[in-house]
Amino acid sequence: MLSFIINYPTTKKGKSEWNRRFGLNAYYAGKHPQKRRKDAEELHMIARAAMHKAGIRNRMLDRPVKVRFYWDDGLDCDNHAVLGKAFLDAMKGYILPDDNRKWVKMVSHEFWDGGAIKVEIMELGEPDEKGRRKPVGTGKFETIEVTSVIGAIGQRVDLGHIAPESMAFNRNGTVQVDGVTYQTAQPDVFAGGDVVTGPKFAIDAIAAGREGAVSLHRFVHEGQSLTLARDPREFYELDKSNAVLPIDCFDAPARQTVAHDASKAKTFSNDRITFTEAQVKAEASRCLGCGVSVVDPNKCIGCGLCTTRCEFDAIHLQRDMPEASRMYRTEDKMKAILPHMVKRAAKITIKDIKEKCAK
């Protein structure tokens, strides 16, 4: 259900002027057509500004609507015909394809009681393709007495007029982007942060900004790929139940426990005791078992030296063309080097002998 608020004068003098200008009686009194046209344009502007403020975007609805007006301006209910028509005309071309009977099934005018609020009783509709059930109106209303009403409907994306028509949005109003490049349906527009994810942590928005900056830098340089060598941030937990080797066979010492000073137990002083030298060494030797090794293909030259540094053999290189070369561990390098050294030394010796014989 879409709703927006028209802010008209609240003072007695202001309401009187409002009624003289826009009440149906003023039109019966023979207001000049040019004056009526000017008033209608002003009302259109007021209505569209109210819709924009309420976060209602300039996008056509795909189904008929029922329009209800709630008034508290002092006019009789039947005296709102001019205002209702002007505001309905403002919706046409903004959220309604037309204001004929095909798209507007009902228009009603009701009074607004300042000491109460009238709410429609909602119920859950049928599940959509994702299994979510959207609240739908039942046509039943209930009046609740209140002293004040606070609008607390959560956050809503408000891009104003900066969003191009080709930009795609999700059902909740957030912008649709590529999960890796943060590129929108408009190729030269990138988005990130709450406008994409909805309300979330600041660190997530910062991370999205960094990745978006990388995409922007590549986009403005012709020939650059937006996806090459990007980290998709896909982390998979180790399935210990299907591990080839038993998990308990790995050297996995327990985390070191911090000791406490009993003399400071009932004071406001910090009673934690720092690690001893032995505990620091034991803690530093622990393999955290992150299971993830990120390599920048733009910097890696494939030397394989990193595979020899991890004492837990957690880093491995996977070559696309293993037949093109042979790789050896650093500890086994002499096995591969010595035969070549001997062969090379023999060739040099034979060459020296031939040169001496030739002289």
Protein backbone atom coordinates (compact mmCIF):
# COMPACT_ATOMS: atom_id res chain seq x y z
CA MET A 1 0.00 0.00 0.00
CA LEU A 2 1.42 3.37 -1.04
CA SER A 3 0.70 6.45 1.06
CA PHE A 4 1.85 10.06 1.18
CA ILE A 5 0.92 13.19 3.15
CA ILE A 6 -0.17 16.53 1.71
CA ASN A 7 0.89 19.36 3.99
CA TYR A 8 -1.80 22.05 3.82
CA PRO A 9 -2.19 25.04 6.21
CA THR A 10 -2.94 24.22 9.83
CA THR A 11 -3.99 27.66 11.08
CA LYS A 12 -7.59 28.86 10.90
CA LYS A 13 -6.67 31.72 8.57
CA GLY A 14 -4.59 29.45 6.36
CA LYS A 15 -7.37 26.88 6.11
CA SER A 16 -9.86 29.58 5.14
CA GLU A 17 -7.61 30.75 2.30
CA TRP A 18 -7.09 27.14 1.22
CA ASN A 19 -10.84 26.53 1.14
CA ARG A 20 -11.52 29.72 -0.84
CA ARG A 21 -8.99 28.72 -3.48
CA PHE A 22 -9.51 24.98 -3.83
CA GLY A 23 -12.99 24.23 -2.50
CA LEU A 24 -15.65 23.09 -4.95
CA ASN A 25 -17.74 26.13 -4.02
CA ALA A 26 -15.03 28.38 -5.45
CA TYR A 27 -15.37 26.64 -8.80
CA TYR A 28 -19.16 26.98 -8.74
CA ALA A 29 -18.67 30.69 -8.04
CA GLY A 30 -17.18 31.08 -11.53
CA LYS A 31 -13.42 31.04 -11.07
CA HIS A 32 -11.61 32.03 -14.25
CA PRO A 33 -10.39 29.00 -16.30
CA GLN A 34 -6.81 30.35 -16.34
CA LYS A 35 -6.91 30.68 -12.56
CA ARG A 36 -8.26 27.12 -12.26
CA ARG A 37 -5.46 25.86 -14.49
CA LYS A 38 -2.84 27.62 -12.35
CA ASP A 39 -4.33 26.18 -9.16
CA ALA A 40 -4.37 22.68 -10.69
CA GLU A 41 -0.69 22.94 -11.66
CA GLU A 42 0.16 24.03 -8.12
CA LEU A 43 -1.73 21.08 -6.66
CA HIS A 44 0.02 18.71 -9.06
CA MET A 45 3.37 20.03 -7.89
CA ILE A 46 2.36 19.70 -4.21
CA ALA A 47 1.17 16.10 -4.71
CA ARG A 48 4.24 14.96 -6.61
CA ALA A 49 6.53 16.57 -4.06
CA ALA A 50 4.64 14.69 -1.32
CA MET A 51 4.99 11.39 -3.18
CA HIS A 52 8.69 12.00 -3.70
CA LYS A 53 9.15 12.78 0.00
CA ALA A 54 7.33 9.56 0.91
CA GLY A 55 9.81 7.60 -1.21
CA ILE A 56 7.30 6.77 -3.96
CA ARG A 57 9.31 6.50 -7.15
CA ASN A 58 8.22 7.56 -10.62
CA ARG A 59 7.36 4.02 -11.72
CA MET A 60 4.06 2.83 -13.11
CA LEU A 61 1.96 0.37 -11.11
CA ASP A 62 0.96 -2.80 -12.91
CA ARG A 63 -2.44 -3.29 -11.30
CA PRO A 64 -5.61 -1.25 -10.53
CA VAL A 65 -5.79 0.74 -7.30
CA LYS A 66 -8.29 2.05 -4.78
CA VAL A 67 -7.64 5.64 -3.68
CA ARG A 68 -8.63 6.89 -0.25
CA PHE A 69 -8.27 10.52 0.85
CA TYR A 70 -8.28 11.47 4.55
CA TRP A 71 -9.03 15.15 5.18
CA ASP A 72 -8.74 17.46 8.16
CA ASP A 73 -8.86 20.87 6.45
CA GLY A 74 -12.34 21.97 7.54
CA LEU A 75 -14.10 21.40 4.21
CA ASP A 76 -17.18 19.25 3.88
CA CYS A 77 -16.50 15.79 2.51
CA ASP A 78 -18.20 16.47 -0.85
CA ASN A 79 -16.25 19.72 -1.16
CA HIS A 80 -13.02 17.84 -1.83
CA ALA A 81 -13.90 16.81 -5.37
CA VAL A 82 -11.58 19.41 -6.91
CA LEU A 83 -8.66 18.52 -4.64
CA GLY A 84 -9.21 14.80 -5.18
CA LYS A 85 -9.26 15.20 -8.94
CA ALA A 86 -6.14 17.38 -8.94
CA PHE A 87 -4.20 14.93 -6.77
CA LEU A 88 -5.41 11.98 -8.84
CA ASP A 89 -4.30 13.79 -12.00
CA ALA A 90 -0.88 14.24 -10.37
CA MET A 91 -0.65 10.47 -9.86
CA LYS A 92 -1.42 9.90 -13.55
CA GLY A 93 1.82 9.67 -15.44
CA TYR A 94 3.78 9.36 -12.18
CA ILE A 95 2.59 6.05 -10.69
CA LEU A 96 -0.66 5.46 -12.63
CA PRO A 97 -0.78 4.86 -16.39
CA ASP A 98 -4.19 6.56 -16.42
CA ASP A 99 -6.96 7.64 -14.04
CA ASN A 100 -9.79 5.88 -15.90
CA ARG A 101 -11.91 3.05 -14.55
CA LYS A 102 -9.39 0.46 -15.75
CA TRP A 103 -6.74 1.69 -13.29
CA VAL A 104 -8.76 3.44 -10.55
CA LYS A 105 -11.46 1.19 -9.15
CA MET A 106 -12.58 3.46 -6.30
CA VAL A 107 -12.05 6.98 -4.95
CA SER A 108 -13.27 7.77 -1.44
CA HIS A 109 -13.04 10.83 0.81
CA GLU A 110 -13.03 10.44 4.61
CA PHE A 111 -12.46 12.75 7.54
CA TRP A 112 -9.31 12.52 9.61
CA ASP A 113 -9.90 12.59 13.35
CA GLY A 114 -6.91 14.28 14.96
CA GLY A 115 -7.34 12.25 18.17
CA ALA A 116 -7.40 8.87 16.46
CA ILE A 117 -5.86 6.98 13.61
CA LYS A 118 -7.72 4.69 11.24
CA VAL A 119 -5.80 1.57 10.27
CA GLU A 120 -6.59 -1.24 7.89
CA ILE A 121 -6.40 -4.79 9.21
CA MET A 122 -3.88 -6.74 7.15
CA GLU A 123 -3.37 -10.44 6.59
CA LEU A 124 -0.63 -12.53 5.00
CA GLY A 125 -1.16 -13.27 1.33
CA GLU A 126 -0.08 -16.27 -0.67
CA PRO A 127 3.64 -17.15 -0.70
CA ASP A 128 5.64 -15.80 -3.64
CA GLU A 129 8.25 -17.72 -5.64
CA LYS A 130 10.68 -17.44 -2.69
CA GLY A 131 8.15 -18.57 -0.12
CA ARG A 132 7.66 -15.12 1.43
CA ARG A 133 4.14 -13.97 2.26
CA LYS A 134 3.33 -10.32 1.64
CA PRO A 135 0.76 -8.48 3.83
CA VAL A 136 -2.43 -7.61 1.94
CA GLY A 137 -5.41 -5.49 2.95
CA THR A 138 -8.65 -7.08 4.13
CA GLY A 139 -10.89 -4.07 3.60
CA LYS A 140 -11.63 -4.00 7.34
CA PHE A 141 -10.65 -0.90 9.30
CA GLU A 142 -10.21 -0.09 12.96
CA THR A 143 -9.99 3.33 14.63
CA ILE A 144 -7.42 3.63 17.42
CA GLU A 145 -7.37 6.63 19.78
CA VAL A 146 -3.92 8.20 19.97
CA THR A 147 -2.29 11.34 21.32
CA SER A 148 0.55 11.37 18.78
CA VAL A 149 1.76 9.29 15.84
CA ILE A 150 5.43 8.72 15.15
CA GLY A 151 6.39 7.53 11.67
CA ALA A 152 8.94 4.74 12.24
CA ILE A 153 8.77 2.61 9.12
CA GLY A 154 12.48 1.89 8.75
CA GLN A 155 14.94 3.07 6.14
CA ARG A 156 14.10 3.56 2.50
CA VAL A 157 16.42 4.21 -0.42
CA ASP A 158 15.90 7.72 -1.78
CA LEU A 159 17.97 8.34 -4.90
CA GLY A 160 15.92 11.33 -5.97
CA HIS A 161 16.40 12.07 -9.65
CA ILE A 162 19.97 10.76 -9.95
CA ALA A 163 18.95 7.16 -10.74
CA PRO A 164 18.78 6.46 -14.49
CA GLU A 165 15.71 4.72 -15.87
CA SER A 166 17.72 1.62 -16.81
CA MET A 167 18.78 0.98 -13.19
CA ALA A 168 17.16 -2.16 -11.73
CA PHE A 169 15.80 -2.39 -8.18
CA ASN A 170 14.88 -5.20 -5.82
CA ARG A 171 11.44 -5.57 -4.28
CA ASN A 172 12.57 -3.79 -1.12
CA GLY A 173 13.81 -0.77 -3.10
CA THR A 174 17.52 -1.56 -2.93
CA VAL A 175 19.65 -1.34 -6.07
CA GLN A 176 20.51 -4.52 -7.96
CA VAL A 177 24.27 -4.88 -8.54
CA ASP A 178 26.74 -7.54 -9.58
CA GLY A 179 27.98 -9.29 -6.44
CA VAL A 180 31.65 -9.05 -7.43
CA THR A 181 31.98 -5.80 -9.41
CA TYR A 182 29.11 -3.77 -7.82
CA GLN A 183 28.07 -2.68 -11.32
CA THR A 184 24.39 -1.81 -11.76
CA ALA A 185 22.17 -2.42 -14.79
CA GLN A 186 23.44 0.95 -16.01
CA PRO A 187 27.03 0.00 -17.02
CA ASP A 188 28.63 3.29 -15.96
CA VAL A 189 26.95 3.38 -12.53
CA PHE A 190 28.32 1.44 -9.53
CA ALA A 191 26.64 1.20 -6.14
CA GLY A 192 27.44 -0.22 -2.71
CA GLY A 193 26.61 0.07 0.97
CA ASP A 194 23.12 0.37 2.43
CA VAL A 195 21.66 1.36 -0.95
CA VAL A 196 22.46 -2.21 -2.07
CA THR A 197 22.27 -4.33 1.10
CA GLY A 198 19.83 -2.33 3.17
CA PRO A 199 20.75 -1.38 6.77
CA LYS A 200 24.04 -3.08 7.60
CA PHE A 201 27.38 -2.48 9.35
CA ALA A 202 29.64 0.41 8.34
CA ILE A 203 32.53 -1.97 7.67
CA ASP A 204 30.45 -3.71 4.99
CA ALA A 205 29.85 -0.36 3.27
CA ILE A 206 33.58 0.42 3.47
CA ALA A 207 34.44 -2.95 1.90
CA ALA A 208 31.88 -2.37 -0.86
CA GLY A 209 33.36 1.08 -1.49
CA ARG A 210 36.84 -0.39 -1.90
CA GLU A 211 35.68 -3.03 -4.36
CA GLY A 212 33.60 -0.43 -6.21
CA ALA A 213 36.66 1.81 -6.50
CA VAL A 214 38.61 -1.06 -8.10
CA SER A 215 35.77 -1.58 -10.58
CA LEU A 216 35.60 2.13 -11.38
CA HIS A 217 39.34 2.27 -11.99
CA ARG A 218 39.14 -0.66 -14.38
CA PHE A 219 36.00 0.64 -16.09
CA VAL A 220 37.55 3.95 -17.13
CA HIS A 221 40.61 2.20 -18.59
CA GLU A 222 39.65 0.68 -21.91
CA GLY A 223 40.37 -3.02 -22.26
CA GLN A 224 40.39 -3.77 -18.53
CA SER A 225 38.29 -6.66 -17.23
CA LEU A 226 36.02 -5.97 -14.27
CA THR A 227 36.08 -9.58 -13.08
CA LEU A 228 39.65 -10.80 -13.74
CA ALA A 229 41.55 -11.65 -10.54
CA ARG A 230 38.71 -10.45 -8.29
CA ASP A 231 38.16 -12.17 -4.97
CA PRO A 232 34.58 -13.55 -4.95
CA ARG A 233 34.81 -13.98 -1.16
CA GLU A 234 33.39 -17.48 -1.28
CA PHE A 235 34.45 -19.32 1.85
CA TYR A 236 33.62 -22.96 2.39
CA GLU A 237 33.80 -24.63 5.77
CA LEU A 238 35.87 -27.79 5.91
CA ASP A 239 33.64 -30.85 5.94
CA LYS A 240 35.38 -32.77 8.70
CA SER A 241 33.08 -35.75 8.30
CA ASN A 242 34.36 -36.37 4.75
CA ALA A 243 38.04 -35.54 5.30
CA VAL A 244 40.51 -37.86 3.55
CA LEU A 245 42.81 -37.81 6.56
CA PRO A 246 41.63 -38.00 10.16
CA ILE A 247 41.35 -34.53 11.62
CA ASP A 248 42.91 -35.55 14.92
CA CYS A 249 46.17 -36.57 13.19
CA PHE A 250 47.15 -32.94 12.62
CA ASP A 251 49.22 -31.00 15.12
CA ALA A 252 46.56 -28.71 16.59
CA PRO A 253 47.59 -27.52 20.06
CA ALA A 254 44.90 -25.88 22.14
CA ARG A 255 44.71 -22.12 22.52
CA GLN A 256 46.72 -20.81 25.44
CA THR A 257 44.64 -19.77 28.46
CA VAL A 258 45.18 -16.42 30.15
CA ALA A 259 45.92 -16.65 33.86
CA HIS A 260 44.39 -14.33 36.48
CA ASP A 261 45.87 -12.61 39.49
CA ALA A 262 43.84 -13.69 42.51
CA SER A 263 44.93 -10.63 44.53
CA LYS A 264 43.10 -8.34 42.07
CA ALA A 265 39.96 -10.44 41.80
CA LYS A 266 37.73 -8.04 43.78
CA THR A 267 39.23 -4.79 42.54
CA PHE A 268 38.69 -2.65 39.44
CA SER A 269 42.24 -3.40 38.28
CA ASN A 270 42.89 -5.71 35.37
CA ASP A 271 43.54 -9.15 36.86
CA ARG A 272 44.67 -10.77 33.59
CA ILE A 273 48.29 -11.94 33.47
CA THR A 274 50.19 -11.75 30.19
CA PHE A 275 51.48 -14.87 28.46
CA THR A 276 54.82 -16.29 29.44
CA GLU A 277 57.54 -16.64 26.80
CA ALA A 278 56.72 -20.33 26.41
CA GLN A 279 53.02 -19.55 25.98
CA VAL A 280 53.75 -16.89 23.36
CA LYS A 281 55.84 -19.34 21.34
CA ALA A 282 53.19 -22.04 21.63
CA GLU A 283 50.42 -19.65 20.58
CA ALA A 284 52.45 -18.32 17.64
CA SER A 285 53.15 -21.86 16.42
CA ARG A 286 49.45 -22.72 16.20
CA CYS A 287 48.05 -23.06 12.67
CA LEU A 288 44.76 -21.21 12.67
CA GLY A 289 43.51 -23.46 9.87
CA CYS A 290 41.79 -20.70 7.93
CA GLY A 291 41.60 -22.97 4.89
CA VAL A 292 41.91 -20.01 2.53
CA SER A 293 44.97 -18.68 0.73
CA VAL A 294 44.36 -15.68 -1.50
CA VAL A 295 46.94 -15.15 -4.25
CA ASP A 296 47.05 -12.07 -6.45
CA PRO A 297 47.56 -13.45 -10.00
CA ASN A 298 48.90 -10.06 -11.06
CA LYS A 299 51.86 -10.40 -8.67
CA CYS A 300 52.41 -14.15 -8.31
CA ILE A 301 55.21 -15.45 -10.57
CA GLY A 302 54.63 -19.07 -9.67
CA CYS A 303 57.93 -19.63 -7.89
CA GLY A 304 56.27 -21.89 -5.32
CA LEU A 305 58.37 -20.55 -2.46
CA CYS A 306 55.26 -19.96 -0.35
CA THR A 307 54.48 -23.68 -0.39
CA THR A 308 57.71 -24.39 1.47
CA ARG A 309 57.15 -21.90 4.26
CA CYS A 310 54.03 -23.41 5.85
CA GLU A 311 55.03 -26.10 8.33
CA PHE A 312 51.53 -27.59 8.11
CA ASP A 313 51.63 -28.03 4.31
CA ALA A 314 48.49 -25.91 3.97
CA ILE A 315 49.55 -24.09 0.76
CA HIS A 316 49.62 -25.81 -2.60
CA LEU A 317 50.02 -24.63 -6.18
CA GLN A 318 47.80 -25.98 -8.90
CA ARG A 319 49.27 -25.60 -12.38
CA ASP A 320 47.18 -25.42 -15.53
CA MET A 321 49.98 -27.07 -17.56
CA PRO A 322 51.94 -29.38 -15.23
CA GLU A 323 53.76 -31.01 -18.16
CA ALA A 324 55.45 -27.72 -19.05
CA SER A 325 57.84 -27.77 -16.08
CA ARG A 326 58.85 -29.65 -12.97
CA MET A 327 58.65 -28.34 -9.42
CA TYR A 328 60.63 -29.50 -6.42
CA ARG A 329 60.42 -28.68 -2.74
CA THR A 330 63.24 -26.49 -1.43
CA GLU A 331 64.43 -29.35 0.77
CA ASP A 332 64.74 -31.58 -2.34
CA LYS A 333 66.30 -29.04 -4.68
CA MET A 334 69.76 -30.62 -4.65
CA LYS A 335 68.34 -33.85 -6.07
CA ALA A 336 67.33 -31.91 -9.17
CA ILE A 337 70.30 -29.53 -9.26
CA LEU A 338 73.21 -31.95 -8.75
CA PRO A 339 72.73 -33.94 -11.98
CA HIS A 340 72.69 -30.71 -13.96
CA MET A 341 75.77 -29.44 -12.09
CA VAL A 342 77.71 -32.61 -12.86
CA LYS A 343 76.60 -32.58 -16.48
CA ARG A 344 77.51 -28.92 -16.88
CA ALA A 345 80.91 -29.38 -15.21
CA ALA A 346 81.66 -32.33 -17.51
CA LYS A 347 80.82 -30.31 -20.60
CA ILE A 348 83.09 -27.46 -19.50
CA THR A 349 85.96 -29.86 -18.76
CA ILE A 350 85.66 -31.58 -22.15
CA LYS A 351 85.54 -28.23 -23.89
CA ASP A 352 88.73 -27.08 -22.11
CA ILE A 353 90.54 -30.31 -23.08
CA LYS A 354 89.54 -29.92 -26.74
CA GLU A 355 90.79 -26.33 -26.80
CA LYS A 356 94.16 -27.36 -25.32
CA CYS A 357 94.53 -30.19 -27.81
CA ALA A 358 93.76 -27.87 -30.68
CA LYS A 359 96.67 -25.60 -29.67
